[in-house]
Amino acid sequence: MKAKLNLTIDEQLLAQAKAYAAKKHSSVSELVENYFRTFVNKRSNKGIIELIEGLPRPETPEQEDLRKRYFEDNATKHGF
């Protein structure tokens, strides 16, 4: 359901907004509604650490020593 909203803005700015909306085959109301959606539906600004910590952990066999396996796999390749 739509609701009416009264705004008071500069006349020149309104004329520019109407011209822009006409070029985009839209209305000023649609422009304002879409603008409001950009900050109402804004995603959280999580940092890279929070995003990484939120990733699911890979399943690995608990008894496997990954460090030992790494060195065994690379022993012949790198000579250590």
PDB file of N, CA and C in Angstrom:
ATOM      1  N   MET A   1       0.836  -1.172   0.000  1.00  0.00           N
ATOM      2  CA  MET A   1       0.000   0.000   0.000  1.00  0.00           C
ATOM      3  C   MET A   1       0.887   1.244   0.000  1.00  0.00           C
ATOM      4  N   LYS A   2       0.573   2.164  -0.840  1.00  0.00           N
ATOM      5  CA  LYS A   2       1.347   3.399  -0.965  1.00  0.00           C
ATOM      6  C   LYS A   2       0.768   4.466  -0.040  1.00  0.00           C
ATOM      7  N   ALA A   3       1.619   5.379   0.402  1.00  0.00           N
ATOM      8  CA  ALA A   3       1.203   6.500   1.241  1.00  0.00           C
ATOM      9  C   ALA A   3       1.761   7.781   0.639  1.00  0.00           C
ATOM     10  N   LYS A   4       1.073   8.875   0.862  1.00  0.00           N
ATOM     11  CA  LYS A   4       1.524  10.169   0.338  1.00  0.00           C
ATOM     12  C   LYS A   4       2.515  10.799   1.296  1.00  0.00           C
ATOM     13  N   LEU A   5       3.448  11.555   0.720  1.00  0.00           N
ATOM     14  CA  LEU A   5       4.475  12.244   1.492  1.00  0.00           C
ATOM     15  C   LEU A   5       4.660  13.622   0.883  1.00  0.00           C
ATOM     16  N   ASN A   6       4.605  14.645   1.697  1.00  0.00           N
ATOM     17  CA  ASN A   6       4.832  16.016   1.219  1.00  0.00           C
ATOM     18  C   ASN A   6       6.273  16.403   1.514  1.00  0.00           C
ATOM     19  N   LEU A   7       6.957  16.890   0.490  1.00  0.00           N
ATOM     20  CA  LEU A   7       8.336  17.336   0.629  1.00  0.00           C
ATOM     21  C   LEU A   7       8.444  18.784   0.211  1.00  0.00           C
ATOM     22  N   THR A   8       9.348  19.490   0.836  1.00  0.00           N
ATOM     23  CA  THR A   8       9.629  20.864   0.450  1.00  0.00           C
ATOM     24  C   THR A   8      11.081  20.915  -0.006  1.00  0.00           C
ATOM     25  N   ILE A   9      11.283  21.230  -1.295  1.00  0.00           N
ATOM     26  CA  ILE A   9      12.636  21.317  -1.838  1.00  0.00           C
ATOM     27  C   ILE A   9      12.737  22.549  -2.735  1.00  0.00           C
ATOM     28  N   ASP A  10      13.944  22.888  -3.082  1.00  0.00           N
ATOM     29  CA  ASP A  10      14.221  24.030  -3.944  1.00  0.00           C
ATOM     30  C   ASP A  10      13.543  23.827  -5.302  1.00  0.00           C
ATOM     31  N   GLU A  11      12.945  24.892  -5.855  1.00  0.00           N
ATOM     32  CA  GLU A  11      12.228  24.800  -7.131  1.00  0.00           C
ATOM     33  C   GLU A  11      13.138  24.356  -8.268  1.00  0.00           C
ATOM     34  N   GLN A  12      14.346  24.887  -8.302  1.00  0.00           N
ATOM     35  CA  GLN A  12      15.277  24.527  -9.367  1.00  0.00           C
ATOM     36  C   GLN A  12      15.666  23.051  -9.261  1.00  0.00           C
ATOM     37  N   LEU A  13      15.863  22.578  -8.046  1.00  0.00           N
ATOM     38  CA  LEU A  13      16.186  21.173  -7.841  1.00  0.00           C
ATOM     39  C   LEU A  13      15.018  20.281  -8.269  1.00  0.00           C
ATOM     40  N   LEU A  14      13.802  20.715  -7.981  1.00  0.00           N
ATOM     41  CA  LEU A  14      12.623  19.949  -8.397  1.00  0.00           C
ATOM     42  C   LEU A  14      12.534  19.871  -9.921  1.00  0.00           C
ATOM     43  N   ALA A  15      12.812  20.974 -10.590  1.00  0.00           N
ATOM     44  CA  ALA A  15      12.784  20.978 -12.057  1.00  0.00           C
ATOM     45  C   ALA A  15      13.832  20.022 -12.616  1.00  0.00           C
ATOM     46  N   GLN A  16      15.019  20.013 -12.022  1.00  0.00           N
ATOM     47  CA  GLN A  16      16.078  19.106 -12.464  1.00  0.00           C
ATOM     48  C   GLN A  16      15.695  17.651 -12.181  1.00  0.00           C
ATOM     49  N   ALA A  17      15.075  17.404 -11.043  1.00  0.00           N
ATOM     50  CA  ALA A  17      14.650  16.045 -10.699  1.00  0.00           C
ATOM     51  C   ALA A  17      13.564  15.564 -11.659  1.00  0.00           C
ATOM     52  N   LYS A  18      12.643  16.429 -12.017  1.00  0.00           N
ATOM     53  CA  LYS A  18      11.591  16.057 -12.970  1.00  0.00           C
ATOM     54  C   LYS A  18      12.180  15.756 -14.341  1.00  0.00           C
ATOM     55  N   ALA A  19      13.153  16.551 -14.772  1.00  0.00           N
ATOM     56  CA  ALA A  19      13.803  16.318 -16.059  1.00  0.00           C
ATOM     57  C   ALA A  19      14.561  14.989 -16.041  1.00  0.00           C
ATOM     58  N   TYR A  20      15.252  14.724 -14.958  1.00  0.00           N
ATOM     59  CA  TYR A  20      15.984  13.467 -14.832  1.00  0.00           C
ATOM     60  C   TYR A  20      15.022  12.283 -14.839  1.00  0.00           C
ATOM     61  N   ALA A  21      13.930  12.394 -14.102  1.00  0.00           N
ATOM     62  CA  ALA A  21      12.937  11.318 -14.046  1.00  0.00           C
ATOM     63  C   ALA A  21      12.328  11.078 -15.430  1.00  0.00           C
ATOM     64  N   ALA A  22      12.069  12.150 -16.173  1.00  0.00           N
ATOM     65  CA  ALA A  22      11.499  12.006 -17.516  1.00  0.00           C
ATOM     66  C   ALA A  22      12.469  11.264 -18.438  1.00  0.00           C
ATOM     67  N   LYS A  23      13.772  11.576 -18.327  1.00  0.00           N
ATOM     68  CA  LYS A  23      14.770  10.883 -19.137  1.00  0.00           C
ATOM     69  C   LYS A  23      14.827   9.398 -18.817  1.00  0.00           C
ATOM     70  N   LYS A  24      14.577   9.065 -17.569  1.00  0.00           N
ATOM     71  CA  LYS A  24      14.636   7.677 -17.117  1.00  0.00           C
ATOM     72  C   LYS A  24      13.275   6.979 -17.208  1.00  0.00           C
ATOM     73  N   HIS A  25      12.293   7.658 -17.805  1.00  0.00           N
ATOM     74  CA  HIS A  25      10.932   7.129 -17.916  1.00  0.00           C
ATOM     75  C   HIS A  25      10.400   6.715 -16.550  1.00  0.00           C
ATOM     76  N   SER A  26      10.537   7.624 -15.605  1.00  0.00           N
ATOM     77  CA  SER A  26      10.163   7.385 -14.224  1.00  0.00           C
ATOM     78  C   SER A  26       9.452   8.616 -13.688  1.00  0.00           C
ATOM     79  N   SER A  27       9.188   8.632 -12.410  1.00  0.00           N
ATOM     80  CA  SER A  27       8.594   9.804 -11.770  1.00  0.00           C
ATOM     81  C   SER A  27       9.471  10.221 -10.600  1.00  0.00           C
ATOM     82  N   VAL A  28       9.274  11.435 -10.139  1.00  0.00           N
ATOM     83  CA  VAL A  28      10.028  11.911  -8.982  1.00  0.00           C
ATOM     84  C   VAL A  28       9.700  11.039  -7.773  1.00  0.00           C
ATOM     85  N   SER A  29       8.451  10.628  -7.649  1.00  0.00           N
ATOM     86  CA  SER A  29       8.065   9.758  -6.534  1.00  0.00           C
ATOM     87  C   SER A  29       8.853   8.447  -6.550  1.00  0.00           C
ATOM     88  N   GLU A  30       9.011   7.858  -7.729  1.00  0.00           N
ATOM     89  CA  GLU A  30       9.778   6.623  -7.834  1.00  0.00           C
ATOM     90  C   GLU A  30      11.245   6.854  -7.487  1.00  0.00           C
ATOM     91  N   LEU A  31      11.793   7.980  -7.913  1.00  0.00           N
ATOM     92  CA  LEU A  31      13.181   8.296  -7.583  1.00  0.00           C
ATOM     93  C   LEU A  31      13.373   8.401  -6.069  1.00  0.00           C
ATOM     94  N   VAL A  32      12.463   9.111  -5.424  1.00  0.00           N
ATOM     95  CA  VAL A  32      12.548   9.285  -3.970  1.00  0.00           C
ATOM     96  C   VAL A  32      12.376   7.937  -3.267  1.00  0.00           C
ATOM     97  N   GLU A  33      11.416   7.137  -3.714  1.00  0.00           N
ATOM     98  CA  GLU A  33      11.184   5.829  -3.104  1.00  0.00           C
ATOM     99  C   GLU A  33      12.416   4.937  -3.250  1.00  0.00           C
ATOM    100  N   ASN A  34      13.008   4.916  -4.430  1.00  0.00           N
ATOM    101  CA  ASN A  34      14.208   4.108  -4.652  1.00  0.00           C
ATOM    102  C   ASN A  34      15.386   4.608  -3.817  1.00  0.00           C
ATOM    103  N   TYR A  35      15.487   5.916  -3.655  1.00  0.00           N
ATOM    104  CA  TYR A  35      16.545   6.477  -2.818  1.00  0.00           C
ATOM    105  C   TYR A  35      16.365   6.025  -1.371  1.00  0.00           C
ATOM    106  N   PHE A  36      15.136   6.098  -0.876  1.00  0.00           N
ATOM    107  CA  PHE A  36      14.876   5.653   0.495  1.00  0.00           C
ATOM    108  C   PHE A  36      15.221   4.178   0.669  1.00  0.00           C
ATOM    109  N   ARG A  37      14.941   3.376  -0.353  1.00  0.00           N
ATOM    110  CA  ARG A  37      15.241   1.949  -0.265  1.00  0.00           C
ATOM    111  C   ARG A  37      16.753   1.699  -0.120  1.00  0.00           C
ATOM    112  N   THR A  38      17.581   2.564  -0.721  1.00  0.00           N
ATOM    113  CA  THR A  38      19.024   2.337  -0.679  1.00  0.00           C
ATOM    114  C   THR A  38      19.572   2.380   0.735  1.00  0.00           C
ATOM    115  N   PHE A  39      19.038   3.216   1.597  1.00  0.00           N
ATOM    116  CA  PHE A  39      19.594   3.241   2.945  1.00  0.00           C
ATOM    117  C   PHE A  39      18.745   2.503   3.957  1.00  0.00           C
ATOM    118  N   VAL A  40      17.486   2.204   3.646  1.00  0.00           N
ATOM    119  CA  VAL A  40      16.670   1.389   4.547  1.00  0.00           C
ATOM    120  C   VAL A  40      17.097  -0.069   4.450  1.00  0.00           C
ATOM    121  N   ASN A  41      17.373  -0.547   3.241  1.00  0.00           N
ATOM    122  CA  ASN A  41      17.764  -1.931   3.017  1.00  0.00           C
ATOM    123  C   ASN A  41      19.275  -2.106   2.972  1.00  0.00           C
ATOM    124  N   LYS A  42      20.013  -1.155   3.497  1.00  0.00           N
ATOM    125  CA  LYS A  42      21.468  -1.191   3.438  1.00  0.00           C
ATOM    126  C   LYS A  42      22.004  -2.395   4.202  1.00  0.00           C
ATOM    127  N   ARG A  43      22.957  -3.088   3.593  1.00  0.00           N
ATOM    128  CA  ARG A  43      23.591  -4.240   4.228  1.00  0.00           C
ATOM    129  C   ARG A  43      24.489  -3.768   5.360  1.00  0.00           C
ATOM    130  N   SER A  44      24.708  -4.659   6.280  1.00  0.00           N
ATOM    131  CA  SER A  44      25.603  -4.313   7.384  1.00  0.00           C
ATOM    132  C   SER A  44      27.028  -4.170   6.853  1.00  0.00           C
ATOM    133  N   ASN A  45      27.772  -3.306   7.475  1.00  0.00           N
ATOM    134  CA  ASN A  45      29.150  -3.055   7.059  1.00  0.00           C
ATOM    135  C   ASN A  45      30.100  -3.913   7.882  1.00  0.00           C
ATOM    136  N   LYS A  46      30.075  -5.213   7.642  1.00  0.00           N
ATOM    137  CA  LYS A  46      30.968  -6.101   8.354  1.00  0.00           C
ATOM    138  C   LYS A  46      32.362  -6.002   7.743  1.00  0.00           C
ATOM    139  N   GLY A  47      33.342  -6.131   8.591  1.00  0.00           N
ATOM    140  CA  GLY A  47      34.710  -6.142   8.128  1.00  0.00           C
ATOM    141  C   GLY A  47      35.068  -7.513   7.568  1.00  0.00           C
ATOM    142  N   ILE A  48      36.216  -7.585   6.963  1.00  0.00           N
ATOM    143  CA  ILE A  48      36.656  -8.827   6.329  1.00  0.00           C
ATOM    144  C   ILE A  48      36.813  -9.942   7.360  1.00  0.00           C
ATOM    145  N   ILE A  49      37.248  -9.609   8.563  1.00  0.00           N
ATOM    146  CA  ILE A  49      37.438 -10.621   9.605  1.00  0.00           C
ATOM    147  C   ILE A  49      36.095 -11.238   9.990  1.00  0.00           C
ATOM    148  N   GLU A  50      35.080 -10.401  10.185  1.00  0.00           N
ATOM    149  CA  GLU A  50      33.758 -10.915  10.539  1.00  0.00           C
ATOM    150  C   GLU A  50      33.183 -11.779   9.426  1.00  0.00           C
ATOM    151  N   LEU A  51      33.413 -11.376   8.173  1.00  0.00           N
ATOM    152  CA  LEU A  51      32.925 -12.167   7.049  1.00  0.00           C
ATOM    153  C   LEU A  51      33.608 -13.526   6.988  1.00  0.00           C
ATOM    154  N   ILE A  52      34.917 -13.549   7.199  1.00  0.00           N
ATOM    155  CA  ILE A  52      35.666 -14.804   7.161  1.00  0.00           C
ATOM    156  C   ILE A  52      35.250 -15.711   8.314  1.00  0.00           C
ATOM    157  N   GLU A  53      35.115 -15.138   9.503  1.00  0.00           N
ATOM    158  CA  GLU A  53      34.716 -15.945  10.652  1.00  0.00           C
ATOM    159  C   GLU A  53      33.312 -16.511  10.489  1.00  0.00           C
ATOM    160  N   GLY A  54      32.483 -15.864   9.681  1.00  0.00           N
ATOM    161  CA  GLY A  54      31.128 -16.335   9.436  1.00  0.00           C
ATOM    162  C   GLY A  54      31.039 -17.459   8.419  1.00  0.00           C
ATOM    163  N   LEU A  55      32.135 -17.736   7.712  1.00  0.00           N
ATOM    164  CA  LEU A  55      32.130 -18.815   6.724  1.00  0.00           C
ATOM    165  C   LEU A  55      32.088 -20.174   7.412  1.00  0.00           C
ATOM    166  N   PRO A  56      31.453 -21.159   6.791  1.00  0.00           N
ATOM    167  CA  PRO A  56      31.443 -22.489   7.401  1.00  0.00           C
ATOM    168  C   PRO A  56      32.839 -23.109   7.367  1.00  0.00           C
ATOM    169  N   ARG A  57      33.165 -23.817   8.412  1.00  0.00           N
ATOM    170  CA  ARG A  57      34.479 -24.462   8.501  1.00  0.00           C
ATOM    171  C   ARG A  57      34.482 -25.724   7.655  1.00  0.00           C
ATOM    172  N   PRO A  58      35.590 -25.983   6.958  1.00  0.00           N
ATOM    173  CA  PRO A  58      35.659 -27.212   6.150  1.00  0.00           C
ATOM    174  C   PRO A  58      35.748 -28.427   7.066  1.00  0.00           C
ATOM    175  N   GLU A  59      35.196 -29.526   6.589  1.00  0.00           N
ATOM    176  CA  GLU A  59      35.250 -30.758   7.356  1.00  0.00           C
ATOM    177  C   GLU A  59      36.561 -31.480   7.045  1.00  0.00           C
ATOM    178  N   THR A  60      37.355 -31.721   8.084  1.00  0.00           N
ATOM    179  CA  THR A  60      38.607 -32.463   7.929  1.00  0.00           C
ATOM    180  C   THR A  60      38.624 -33.565   8.976  1.00  0.00           C
ATOM    181  N   PRO A  61      39.223 -34.681   8.634  1.00  0.00           N
ATOM    182  CA  PRO A  61      39.347 -35.744   9.644  1.00  0.00           C
ATOM    183  C   PRO A  61      40.146 -35.227  10.834  1.00  0.00           C
ATOM    184  N   GLU A  62      39.633 -35.428  12.036  1.00  0.00           N
ATOM    185  CA  GLU A  62      40.285 -34.884  13.231  1.00  0.00           C
ATOM    186  C   GLU A  62      41.659 -35.494  13.485  1.00  0.00           C
ATOM    187  N   GLN A  63      41.859 -36.768  13.132  1.00  0.00           N
ATOM    188  CA  GLN A  63      43.122 -37.425  13.421  1.00  0.00           C
ATOM    189  C   GLN A  63      44.219 -37.041  12.432  1.00  0.00           C
ATOM    190  N   GLU A  64      43.878 -36.384  11.336  1.00  0.00           N
ATOM    191  CA  GLU A  64      44.871 -36.041  10.319  1.00  0.00           C
ATOM    192  C   GLU A  64      45.656 -34.802  10.736  1.00  0.00           C
ATOM    193  N   ASP A  65      46.967 -34.887  10.665  1.00  0.00           N
ATOM    194  CA  ASP A  65      47.843 -33.760  10.980  1.00  0.00           C
ATOM    195  C   ASP A  65      48.122 -33.022   9.664  1.00  0.00           C
ATOM    196  N   LEU A  66      47.489 -31.899   9.468  1.00  0.00           N
ATOM    197  CA  LEU A  66      47.607 -31.180   8.202  1.00  0.00           C
ATOM    198  C   LEU A  66      49.022 -30.650   7.965  1.00  0.00           C
ATOM    199  N   ARG A  67      49.684 -30.244   9.025  1.00  0.00           N
ATOM    200  CA  ARG A  67      51.041 -29.732   8.867  1.00  0.00           C
ATOM    201  C   ARG A  67      51.976 -30.852   8.378  1.00  0.00           C
ATOM    202  N   LYS A  68      51.851 -32.023   9.001  1.00  0.00           N
ATOM    203  CA  LYS A  68      52.670 -33.176   8.598  1.00  0.00           C
ATOM    204  C   LYS A  68      52.365 -33.552   7.161  1.00  0.00           C
ATOM    205  N   ARG A  69      51.103 -33.550   6.796  1.00  0.00           N
ATOM    206  CA  ARG A  69      50.707 -33.899   5.424  1.00  0.00           C
ATOM    207  C   ARG A  69      51.270 -32.896   4.416  1.00  0.00           C
ATOM    208  N   TYR A  70      51.258 -31.615   4.766  1.00  0.00           N
ATOM    209  CA  TYR A  70      51.809 -30.583   3.889  1.00  0.00           C
ATOM    210  C   TYR A  70      53.286 -30.860   3.600  1.00  0.00           C
ATOM    211  N   PHE A  71      54.047 -31.105   4.657  1.00  0.00           N
ATOM    212  CA  PHE A  71      55.478 -31.349   4.466  1.00  0.00           C
ATOM    213  C   PHE A  71      55.735 -32.632   3.691  1.00  0.00           C
ATOM    214  N   GLU A  72      54.935 -33.663   3.926  1.00  0.00           N
ATOM    215  CA  GLU A  72      55.104 -34.908   3.179  1.00  0.00           C
ATOM    216  C   GLU A  72      54.796 -34.706   1.702  1.00  0.00           C
ATOM    217  N   ASP A  73      53.731 -33.968   1.406  1.00  0.00           N
ATOM    218  CA  ASP A  73      53.331 -33.733   0.014  1.00  0.00           C
ATOM    219  C   ASP A  73      54.346 -32.887  -0.733  1.00  0.00           C
ATOM    220  N   ASN A  74      55.000 -31.976  -0.026  1.00  0.00           N
ATOM    221  CA  ASN A  74      55.929 -31.059  -0.674  1.00  0.00           C
ATOM    222  C   ASN A  74      57.396 -31.458  -0.526  1.00  0.00           C
ATOM    223  N   ALA A  75      57.678 -32.543   0.153  1.00  0.00           N
ATOM    224  CA  ALA A  75      59.062 -32.949   0.401  1.00  0.00           C
ATOM    225  C   ALA A  75      59.817 -33.188  -0.893  1.00  0.00           C
ATOM    226  N   THR A  76      59.225 -33.917  -1.814  1.00  0.00           N
ATOM    227  CA  THR A  76      59.931 -34.216  -3.068  1.00  0.00           C
ATOM    228  C   THR A  76      59.899 -32.999  -3.997  1.00  0.00           C
ATOM    229  N   LYS A  77      58.834 -32.263  -3.930  1.00  0.00           N
ATOM    230  CA  LYS A  77      58.689 -31.115  -4.827  1.00  0.00           C
ATOM    231  C   LYS A  77      59.720 -30.027  -4.511  1.00  0.00           C
ATOM    232  N   HIS A  78      59.903 -29.728  -3.221  1.00  0.00           N
ATOM    233  CA  HIS A  78      60.778 -28.645  -2.814  1.00  0.00           C
ATOM    234  C   HIS A  78      62.088 -29.142  -2.208  1.00  0.00           C
ATOM    235  N   GLY A  79      62.224 -30.433  -2.018  1.00  0.00           N
ATOM    236  CA  GLY A  79      63.460 -30.981  -1.502  1.00  0.00           C
ATOM    237  C   GLY A  79      63.690 -30.769  -0.022  1.00  0.00           C
ATOM    238  N   PHE A  80      62.644 -30.731   0.774  1.00  0.00           N
ATOM    239  CA  PHE A  80      62.846 -30.638   2.232  1.00  0.00           C
ATOM    240  C   PHE A  80      62.116 -31.724   2.954  1.00  0.00           C
TER     241      PHE A  80
END
